[in-house]
Amino acid sequence: MLEVSLEEFFRTGSFGPVQLGMPRKEINTLLGSTDMWGPSDANSFKSATIWKYGDIEFYFNQDNRLYQIFSDDFEIPESCAEMQLDPWVVRNKMTAESFQDELKQAEIAFSIREISTLPGVIEIVTAGNVRLNCRVELEPDDEFEELGLYSFCLSDYRLLP
């Protein structure tokens, strides 16, 4: 069984033994197949560009290499039968301030930046280069109705053609 700690992920960028650039076949060996994959026009699990295990999504490039680990659909992040995921302190709608306090307490370095294309959202970038998006202000006519953490992602777009 694959063991993953989100605290370690934020600290180092390591998602257990899964690393960006890893071939699809190796991830399939570690986690097996999944019933959740996309996009909807993909012919099969093996050709899909996104594999979802619990609340964690793995994105593959045209060379069948992992270029992104992403999650945005969770209350407390959960995994699948083949993965034991320690969510650490992460929960949906956690305030940016409380998450920053947890990072400081765990001595995980981070920076904060505003996202110009998403008013009212900040991005917390951890020492492991994991980016977490937090809504800190509600905007008029915005689809978001709650403040707090709503996604985390590690990507390497240099792996895209």
N, C-alpha and C. Protein backbone atom coordinates (compact mmCIF):
# COMPACT_ATOMS: atom_id res chain seq x y z
N MET A 1 0.84 -1.18 0.00
CA MET A 1 0.00 0.00 0.00
C MET A 1 0.89 1.25 0.00
N LEU A 2 0.50 2.20 -0.82
CA LEU A 2 1.22 3.47 -0.92
C LEU A 2 0.86 4.34 0.27
N GLU A 3 1.87 4.87 0.98
CA GLU A 3 1.63 5.76 2.11
C GLU A 3 2.06 7.18 1.74
N VAL A 4 1.17 8.14 1.98
CA VAL A 4 1.43 9.53 1.61
C VAL A 4 1.02 10.44 2.76
N SER A 5 1.88 11.40 3.07
CA SER A 5 1.60 12.41 4.09
C SER A 5 1.51 13.77 3.40
N LEU A 6 0.40 14.47 3.57
CA LEU A 6 0.29 15.80 2.98
C LEU A 6 1.27 16.77 3.63
N GLU A 7 1.57 16.59 4.90
CA GLU A 7 2.58 17.44 5.54
C GLU A 7 3.92 17.30 4.81
N GLU A 8 4.33 16.07 4.53
CA GLU A 8 5.59 15.84 3.81
C GLU A 8 5.50 16.34 2.37
N PHE A 9 4.34 16.18 1.75
CA PHE A 9 4.12 16.69 0.40
C PHE A 9 4.34 18.20 0.35
N PHE A 10 3.77 18.92 1.31
CA PHE A 10 3.94 20.38 1.34
C PHE A 10 5.39 20.76 1.66
N ARG A 11 6.06 19.96 2.46
CA ARG A 11 7.44 20.26 2.86
C ARG A 11 8.43 19.99 1.72
N THR A 12 8.25 18.87 1.00
CA THR A 12 9.27 18.41 0.05
C THR A 12 8.79 18.30 -1.39
N GLY A 13 7.49 18.28 -1.62
CA GLY A 13 6.97 18.04 -2.96
C GLY A 13 6.91 16.57 -3.31
N SER A 14 7.23 15.70 -2.35
CA SER A 14 7.17 14.25 -2.58
C SER A 14 5.81 13.73 -2.15
N PHE A 15 5.14 13.06 -3.06
CA PHE A 15 3.85 12.44 -2.79
C PHE A 15 4.09 10.95 -2.59
N GLY A 16 4.67 10.62 -1.42
CA GLY A 16 5.13 9.25 -1.20
C GLY A 16 6.17 8.95 -2.26
N PRO A 17 6.11 7.77 -2.88
CA PRO A 17 7.07 7.45 -3.93
C PRO A 17 6.73 8.04 -5.30
N VAL A 18 5.56 8.67 -5.41
CA VAL A 18 5.12 9.24 -6.69
C VAL A 18 5.82 10.58 -6.90
N GLN A 19 6.44 10.74 -8.06
CA GLN A 19 7.18 11.96 -8.39
C GLN A 19 6.71 12.48 -9.76
N LEU A 20 6.73 13.80 -9.92
CA LEU A 20 6.44 14.36 -11.24
C LEU A 20 7.47 13.84 -12.24
N GLY A 21 7.01 13.57 -13.46
CA GLY A 21 7.87 13.01 -14.49
C GLY A 21 7.82 11.49 -14.53
N MET A 22 7.20 10.88 -13.54
CA MET A 22 7.12 9.43 -13.45
C MET A 22 6.23 8.88 -14.57
N PRO A 23 6.63 7.76 -15.20
CA PRO A 23 5.80 7.17 -16.25
C PRO A 23 4.47 6.65 -15.71
N ARG A 24 3.46 6.76 -16.53
CA ARG A 24 2.11 6.28 -16.20
C ARG A 24 2.14 4.82 -15.73
N LYS A 25 2.95 3.99 -16.40
CA LYS A 25 3.01 2.56 -16.04
C LYS A 25 3.43 2.35 -14.60
N GLU A 26 4.38 3.17 -14.12
CA GLU A 26 4.84 3.03 -12.74
C GLU A 26 3.74 3.40 -11.75
N ILE A 27 2.98 4.42 -12.06
CA ILE A 27 1.88 4.81 -11.18
C ILE A 27 0.80 3.74 -11.20
N ASN A 28 0.54 3.17 -12.37
CA ASN A 28 -0.42 2.08 -12.47
C ASN A 28 0.04 0.89 -11.63
N THR A 29 1.34 0.60 -11.63
CA THR A 29 1.88 -0.49 -10.82
C THR A 29 1.69 -0.20 -9.33
N LEU A 30 1.92 1.04 -8.92
CA LEU A 30 1.78 1.42 -7.51
C LEU A 30 0.33 1.42 -7.04
N LEU A 31 -0.57 1.95 -7.88
CA LEU A 31 -1.95 2.19 -7.44
C LEU A 31 -3.01 1.34 -8.12
N GLY A 32 -2.64 0.66 -9.20
CA GLY A 32 -3.64 -0.10 -9.93
C GLY A 32 -4.53 0.81 -10.75
N SER A 33 -5.56 0.23 -11.34
CA SER A 33 -6.47 1.03 -12.16
C SER A 33 -7.48 1.74 -11.27
N THR A 34 -8.14 2.72 -11.84
CA THR A 34 -9.17 3.46 -11.12
C THR A 34 -10.43 3.52 -11.97
N ASP A 35 -11.56 3.65 -11.30
CA ASP A 35 -12.82 3.80 -12.02
C ASP A 35 -13.08 5.26 -12.40
N MET A 36 -12.30 6.16 -11.82
CA MET A 36 -12.49 7.59 -12.07
C MET A 36 -11.37 8.11 -12.95
N TRP A 37 -11.69 8.48 -14.19
CA TRP A 37 -10.69 9.01 -15.10
C TRP A 37 -11.37 9.94 -16.09
N GLY A 38 -10.57 10.73 -16.75
CA GLY A 38 -11.14 11.70 -17.69
C GLY A 38 -10.09 12.18 -18.66
N PRO A 39 -10.45 13.06 -19.56
CA PRO A 39 -11.78 13.64 -19.72
C PRO A 39 -12.77 12.61 -20.24
N SER A 40 -14.03 13.02 -20.32
CA SER A 40 -15.09 12.08 -20.68
C SER A 40 -14.94 11.51 -22.08
N ASP A 41 -14.18 12.17 -22.96
CA ASP A 41 -14.02 11.64 -24.31
C ASP A 41 -12.83 10.68 -24.43
N ALA A 42 -12.14 10.39 -23.32
CA ALA A 42 -11.03 9.43 -23.36
C ALA A 42 -11.60 8.04 -23.65
N ASN A 43 -10.89 7.27 -24.46
CA ASN A 43 -11.38 5.95 -24.85
C ASN A 43 -11.30 4.92 -23.74
N SER A 44 -10.31 5.05 -22.86
CA SER A 44 -10.14 4.07 -21.79
C SER A 44 -9.34 4.67 -20.65
N PHE A 45 -9.31 3.95 -19.56
CA PHE A 45 -8.49 4.33 -18.40
C PHE A 45 -7.04 4.53 -18.81
N LYS A 46 -6.53 3.62 -19.62
CA LYS A 46 -5.10 3.68 -19.98
C LYS A 46 -4.75 4.86 -20.86
N SER A 47 -5.72 5.40 -21.60
CA SER A 47 -5.42 6.55 -22.46
C SER A 47 -5.87 7.89 -21.86
N ALA A 48 -6.56 7.84 -20.73
CA ALA A 48 -7.07 9.06 -20.10
C ALA A 48 -5.92 9.94 -19.61
N THR A 49 -6.09 11.24 -19.71
CA THR A 49 -5.04 12.16 -19.25
C THR A 49 -5.15 12.45 -17.75
N ILE A 50 -6.29 12.11 -17.14
CA ILE A 50 -6.48 12.33 -15.70
C ILE A 50 -6.92 11.02 -15.06
N TRP A 51 -6.21 10.63 -14.01
CA TRP A 51 -6.61 9.49 -13.18
C TRP A 51 -6.93 10.04 -11.80
N LYS A 52 -8.06 9.62 -11.23
CA LYS A 52 -8.45 10.09 -9.90
C LYS A 52 -8.51 8.92 -8.94
N TYR A 53 -7.79 9.07 -7.83
CA TYR A 53 -7.78 8.09 -6.75
C TYR A 53 -8.26 8.79 -5.49
N GLY A 54 -9.47 8.49 -5.04
CA GLY A 54 -10.05 9.23 -3.93
C GLY A 54 -10.21 10.68 -4.35
N ASP A 55 -9.64 11.59 -3.55
CA ASP A 55 -9.73 13.02 -3.86
C ASP A 55 -8.51 13.54 -4.61
N ILE A 56 -7.59 12.67 -4.98
CA ILE A 56 -6.34 13.07 -5.61
C ILE A 56 -6.37 12.76 -7.10
N GLU A 57 -6.02 13.76 -7.92
CA GLU A 57 -6.00 13.60 -9.38
C GLU A 57 -4.56 13.64 -9.88
N PHE A 58 -4.25 12.72 -10.79
CA PHE A 58 -2.94 12.66 -11.44
C PHE A 58 -3.13 13.01 -12.92
N TYR A 59 -2.35 13.98 -13.41
CA TYR A 59 -2.46 14.45 -14.80
C TYR A 59 -1.22 14.00 -15.58
N PHE A 60 -1.47 13.44 -16.78
CA PHE A 60 -0.39 12.91 -17.61
C PHE A 60 -0.26 13.71 -18.90
N ASN A 61 0.99 13.83 -19.38
CA ASN A 61 1.24 14.52 -20.64
C ASN A 61 1.16 13.53 -21.81
N GLN A 62 1.46 14.02 -23.02
CA GLN A 62 1.38 13.17 -24.22
C GLN A 62 2.43 12.07 -24.22
N ASP A 63 3.48 12.23 -23.42
CA ASP A 63 4.51 11.19 -23.31
C ASP A 63 4.20 10.21 -22.18
N ASN A 64 2.98 10.28 -21.65
CA ASN A 64 2.54 9.40 -20.57
C ASN A 64 3.35 9.56 -19.30
N ARG A 65 3.74 10.80 -19.02
CA ARG A 65 4.47 11.10 -17.78
C ARG A 65 3.62 12.03 -16.92
N LEU A 66 3.72 11.84 -15.62
CA LEU A 66 2.97 12.65 -14.67
C LEU A 66 3.51 14.07 -14.63
N TYR A 67 2.64 15.06 -14.87
CA TYR A 67 3.09 16.45 -14.78
C TYR A 67 2.35 17.23 -13.70
N GLN A 68 1.29 16.66 -13.11
CA GLN A 68 0.55 17.40 -12.09
C GLN A 68 -0.16 16.47 -11.11
N ILE A 69 -0.13 16.84 -9.83
CA ILE A 69 -0.91 16.20 -8.77
C ILE A 69 -1.83 17.29 -8.22
N PHE A 70 -3.13 17.02 -8.18
CA PHE A 70 -4.11 18.08 -7.92
C PHE A 70 -5.26 17.56 -7.08
N SER A 71 -5.84 18.44 -6.27
CA SER A 71 -7.07 18.12 -5.56
C SER A 71 -7.87 19.38 -5.31
N ASP A 72 -9.16 19.32 -5.60
CA ASP A 72 -10.04 20.45 -5.31
C ASP A 72 -11.44 20.00 -4.94
N ASP A 73 -11.60 18.75 -4.62
CA ASP A 73 -12.93 18.21 -4.33
C ASP A 73 -12.83 17.38 -3.05
N PHE A 74 -12.77 18.06 -1.90
CA PHE A 74 -12.57 17.33 -0.65
C PHE A 74 -13.19 18.09 0.52
N GLU A 75 -13.58 17.36 1.54
CA GLU A 75 -13.87 17.94 2.85
C GLU A 75 -12.58 17.82 3.66
N ILE A 76 -12.19 16.59 3.92
CA ILE A 76 -10.85 16.25 4.41
C ILE A 76 -10.32 15.31 3.34
N PRO A 77 -9.16 15.60 2.74
CA PRO A 77 -8.69 14.77 1.62
C PRO A 77 -8.65 13.28 1.98
N GLU A 78 -9.21 12.48 1.09
CA GLU A 78 -9.26 11.03 1.27
C GLU A 78 -8.58 10.36 0.09
N SER A 79 -8.19 9.12 0.31
CA SER A 79 -7.51 8.37 -0.75
C SER A 79 -8.38 7.21 -1.20
N CYS A 80 -7.73 6.20 -1.73
CA CYS A 80 -8.42 5.01 -2.22
C CYS A 80 -7.88 3.80 -1.47
N ALA A 81 -8.35 2.62 -1.82
CA ALA A 81 -7.94 1.39 -1.13
C ALA A 81 -6.44 1.14 -1.24
N GLU A 82 -5.82 1.56 -2.34
CA GLU A 82 -4.40 1.28 -2.58
C GLU A 82 -3.48 2.34 -1.97
N MET A 83 -4.05 3.39 -1.37
CA MET A 83 -3.25 4.49 -0.86
C MET A 83 -3.72 4.87 0.55
N GLN A 84 -2.78 4.98 1.46
CA GLN A 84 -3.09 5.49 2.79
C GLN A 84 -2.64 6.94 2.83
N LEU A 85 -3.59 7.86 2.89
CA LEU A 85 -3.30 9.29 2.84
C LEU A 85 -3.49 9.90 4.22
N ASP A 86 -2.44 10.51 4.74
CA ASP A 86 -2.53 11.27 5.99
C ASP A 86 -2.82 12.72 5.60
N PRO A 87 -4.03 13.22 5.86
CA PRO A 87 -4.38 14.57 5.42
C PRO A 87 -3.73 15.68 6.24
N TRP A 88 -3.01 15.30 7.30
CA TRP A 88 -2.37 16.26 8.19
C TRP A 88 -3.46 17.16 8.76
N VAL A 89 -3.44 18.46 8.53
CA VAL A 89 -4.43 19.39 9.08
C VAL A 89 -5.39 19.88 8.01
N VAL A 90 -5.23 19.42 6.78
CA VAL A 90 -5.95 19.98 5.63
C VAL A 90 -7.44 19.62 5.69
N ARG A 91 -8.25 20.65 5.51
CA ARG A 91 -9.69 20.47 5.37
C ARG A 91 -10.23 21.58 4.48
N ASN A 92 -11.28 21.27 3.78
CA ASN A 92 -11.91 22.23 2.89
C ASN A 92 -12.40 23.44 3.68
N LYS A 93 -12.21 24.61 3.12
CA LYS A 93 -12.64 25.88 3.70
C LYS A 93 -11.84 26.27 4.94
N MET A 94 -10.71 25.61 5.19
CA MET A 94 -9.81 26.03 6.26
C MET A 94 -9.33 27.44 5.94
N THR A 95 -9.30 28.34 6.91
CA THR A 95 -8.90 29.71 6.61
C THR A 95 -7.42 29.77 6.25
N ALA A 96 -7.09 30.74 5.44
CA ALA A 96 -5.69 30.94 5.05
C ALA A 96 -4.83 31.18 6.29
N GLU A 97 -5.35 31.93 7.25
CA GLU A 97 -4.59 32.22 8.46
C GLU A 97 -4.30 30.96 9.25
N SER A 98 -5.32 30.08 9.44
CA SER A 98 -5.05 28.87 10.21
C SER A 98 -4.11 27.94 9.47
N PHE A 99 -4.20 27.88 8.14
CA PHE A 99 -3.27 27.03 7.42
C PHE A 99 -1.85 27.57 7.52
N GLN A 100 -1.69 28.88 7.41
CA GLN A 100 -0.36 29.48 7.57
C GLN A 100 0.19 29.22 8.97
N ASP A 101 -0.66 29.29 9.98
CA ASP A 101 -0.22 28.98 11.35
C ASP A 101 0.28 27.55 11.46
N GLU A 102 -0.42 26.62 10.82
CA GLU A 102 0.00 25.21 10.84
C GLU A 102 1.34 25.03 10.13
N LEU A 103 1.52 25.71 9.00
CA LEU A 103 2.80 25.64 8.29
C LEU A 103 3.93 26.17 9.16
N LYS A 104 3.69 27.29 9.83
CA LYS A 104 4.72 27.86 10.71
C LYS A 104 5.06 26.90 11.85
N GLN A 105 4.03 26.33 12.46
CA GLN A 105 4.24 25.40 13.57
C GLN A 105 5.04 24.18 13.11
N ALA A 106 4.79 23.71 11.89
CA ALA A 106 5.51 22.55 11.35
C ALA A 106 6.86 22.95 10.74
N GLU A 107 7.16 24.25 10.78
CA GLU A 107 8.40 24.78 10.22
C GLU A 107 8.56 24.47 8.74
N ILE A 108 7.45 24.65 8.02
CA ILE A 108 7.45 24.51 6.56
C ILE A 108 7.44 25.91 5.97
N ALA A 109 8.49 26.25 5.26
CA ALA A 109 8.59 27.58 4.65
C ALA A 109 7.51 27.74 3.58
N PHE A 110 7.03 28.97 3.44
CA PHE A 110 6.01 29.25 2.42
C PHE A 110 6.05 30.72 2.04
N SER A 111 5.45 31.02 0.90
CA SER A 111 5.27 32.40 0.47
C SER A 111 3.81 32.57 0.07
N ILE A 112 3.39 33.82 -0.04
CA ILE A 112 2.00 34.12 -0.38
C ILE A 112 2.00 35.10 -1.55
N ARG A 113 1.08 34.87 -2.49
CA ARG A 113 0.93 35.83 -3.58
C ARG A 113 -0.54 35.93 -3.94
N GLU A 114 -0.91 37.10 -4.41
CA GLU A 114 -2.26 37.30 -4.91
C GLU A 114 -2.32 36.79 -6.34
N ILE A 115 -3.49 36.33 -6.73
CA ILE A 115 -3.68 35.84 -8.09
C ILE A 115 -4.52 36.88 -8.83
N SER A 116 -3.89 37.60 -9.74
CA SER A 116 -4.57 38.72 -10.40
C SER A 116 -5.80 38.29 -11.18
N THR A 117 -5.80 37.07 -11.70
CA THR A 117 -6.94 36.60 -12.48
C THR A 117 -8.08 36.07 -11.60
N LEU A 118 -7.82 35.93 -10.31
CA LEU A 118 -8.84 35.45 -9.37
C LEU A 118 -8.94 36.43 -8.20
N PRO A 119 -9.68 37.50 -8.35
CA PRO A 119 -9.80 38.47 -7.25
C PRO A 119 -10.32 37.79 -5.98
N GLY A 120 -9.73 38.16 -4.85
CA GLY A 120 -10.15 37.60 -3.58
C GLY A 120 -9.51 36.28 -3.24
N VAL A 121 -8.56 35.82 -4.07
CA VAL A 121 -7.89 34.54 -3.85
C VAL A 121 -6.39 34.78 -3.67
N ILE A 122 -5.81 34.08 -2.69
CA ILE A 122 -4.36 34.08 -2.55
C ILE A 122 -3.85 32.68 -2.81
N GLU A 123 -2.59 32.62 -3.20
CA GLU A 123 -1.93 31.34 -3.41
C GLU A 123 -0.82 31.23 -2.37
N ILE A 124 -0.84 30.14 -1.62
CA ILE A 124 0.21 29.84 -0.67
C ILE A 124 1.11 28.82 -1.35
N VAL A 125 2.40 29.14 -1.49
CA VAL A 125 3.35 28.24 -2.15
C VAL A 125 4.29 27.72 -1.07
N THR A 126 4.30 26.41 -0.87
CA THR A 126 5.10 25.81 0.20
C THR A 126 6.53 25.52 -0.26
N ALA A 127 7.36 25.13 0.70
CA ALA A 127 8.75 24.79 0.41
C ALA A 127 8.85 23.70 -0.64
N GLY A 128 7.89 22.80 -0.70
CA GLY A 128 7.87 21.72 -1.69
C GLY A 128 7.30 22.14 -3.02
N ASN A 129 7.04 23.45 -3.19
CA ASN A 129 6.48 24.03 -4.41
C ASN A 129 5.02 23.62 -4.66
N VAL A 130 4.34 23.17 -3.61
CA VAL A 130 2.91 22.88 -3.71
C VAL A 130 2.17 24.21 -3.56
N ARG A 131 1.22 24.43 -4.47
CA ARG A 131 0.43 25.66 -4.47
C ARG A 131 -0.97 25.38 -3.93
N LEU A 132 -1.37 26.16 -2.93
CA LEU A 132 -2.70 26.01 -2.34
C LEU A 132 -3.47 27.30 -2.57
N ASN A 133 -4.69 27.20 -3.06
CA ASN A 133 -5.52 28.37 -3.29
C ASN A 133 -6.51 28.54 -2.15
N CYS A 134 -6.58 29.77 -1.64
CA CYS A 134 -7.50 30.12 -0.56
C CYS A 134 -8.28 31.37 -0.94
N ARG A 135 -9.59 31.29 -0.79
CA ARG A 135 -10.42 32.47 -1.00
C ARG A 135 -10.38 33.26 0.31
N VAL A 136 -9.98 34.53 0.21
CA VAL A 136 -9.88 35.39 1.40
C VAL A 136 -10.89 36.52 1.39
N GLU A 137 -11.52 36.77 0.25
CA GLU A 137 -12.57 37.79 0.13
C GLU A 137 -13.63 37.29 -0.83
N LEU A 138 -14.88 37.57 -0.51
CA LEU A 138 -15.96 37.25 -1.44
C LEU A 138 -16.11 38.40 -2.42
N GLU A 139 -16.32 38.06 -3.67
CA GLU A 139 -16.48 39.06 -4.72
C GLU A 139 -17.93 39.05 -5.20
N PRO A 140 -18.47 40.22 -5.58
CA PRO A 140 -19.84 40.25 -6.12
C PRO A 140 -19.93 39.35 -7.36
N ASP A 141 -21.04 38.70 -7.51
CA ASP A 141 -21.30 37.83 -8.67
C ASP A 141 -20.27 36.71 -8.80
N ASP A 142 -19.73 36.27 -7.70
CA ASP A 142 -18.73 35.21 -7.72
C ASP A 142 -19.43 33.88 -7.46
N GLU A 143 -18.98 32.82 -8.13
CA GLU A 143 -19.59 31.51 -7.91
C GLU A 143 -19.23 30.93 -6.54
N PHE A 144 -18.13 31.39 -5.94
CA PHE A 144 -17.73 30.90 -4.62
C PHE A 144 -18.55 31.61 -3.56
N GLU A 145 -19.04 30.85 -2.61
CA GLU A 145 -19.87 31.43 -1.57
C GLU A 145 -19.23 31.33 -0.20
N GLU A 146 -18.05 30.71 -0.10
CA GLU A 146 -17.40 30.53 1.19
C GLU A 146 -15.93 30.88 1.08
N LEU A 147 -15.39 31.34 2.20
CA LEU A 147 -13.97 31.64 2.27
C LEU A 147 -13.19 30.39 2.64
N GLY A 148 -11.89 30.39 2.34
CA GLY A 148 -11.01 29.33 2.81
C GLY A 148 -10.33 28.54 1.71
N LEU A 149 -9.58 27.54 2.15
CA LEU A 149 -8.81 26.66 1.28
C LEU A 149 -9.74 25.87 0.37
N TYR A 150 -9.41 25.80 -0.92
CA TYR A 150 -10.25 24.99 -1.81
C TYR A 150 -9.47 24.13 -2.79
N SER A 151 -8.15 24.26 -2.89
CA SER A 151 -7.41 23.37 -3.79
C SER A 151 -5.93 23.37 -3.44
N PHE A 152 -5.27 22.27 -3.84
CA PHE A 152 -3.80 22.23 -3.78
C PHE A 152 -3.29 21.49 -5.01
N CYS A 153 -2.06 21.86 -5.42
CA CYS A 153 -1.54 21.36 -6.68
C CYS A 153 -0.02 21.42 -6.71
N LEU A 154 0.59 20.40 -7.26
CA LEU A 154 2.01 20.41 -7.59
C LEU A 154 2.11 20.11 -9.07
N SER A 155 2.74 20.98 -9.84
CA SER A 155 2.87 20.74 -11.27
C SER A 155 4.22 21.16 -11.78
N ASP A 156 4.56 20.57 -12.92
CA ASP A 156 5.78 20.95 -13.63
C ASP A 156 5.40 21.06 -15.11
N TYR A 157 5.07 22.28 -15.53
CA TYR A 157 4.62 22.50 -16.90
C TYR A 157 5.75 22.36 -17.91
N ARG A 158 6.98 22.25 -17.44
CA ARG A 158 8.09 21.97 -18.37
C ARG A 158 7.94 20.57 -18.96
N LEU A 159 7.13 19.72 -18.32
CA LEU A 159 6.90 18.38 -18.84
C LEU A 159 5.86 18.35 -19.96
N LEU A 160 5.22 19.50 -20.22
CA LEU A 160 4.26 19.57 -21.32
C LEU A 160 4.98 19.97 -22.60
N PRO A 161 4.51 19.44 -23.74
CA PRO A 161 5.17 19.80 -25.01
C PRO A 161 4.93 21.25 -25.41
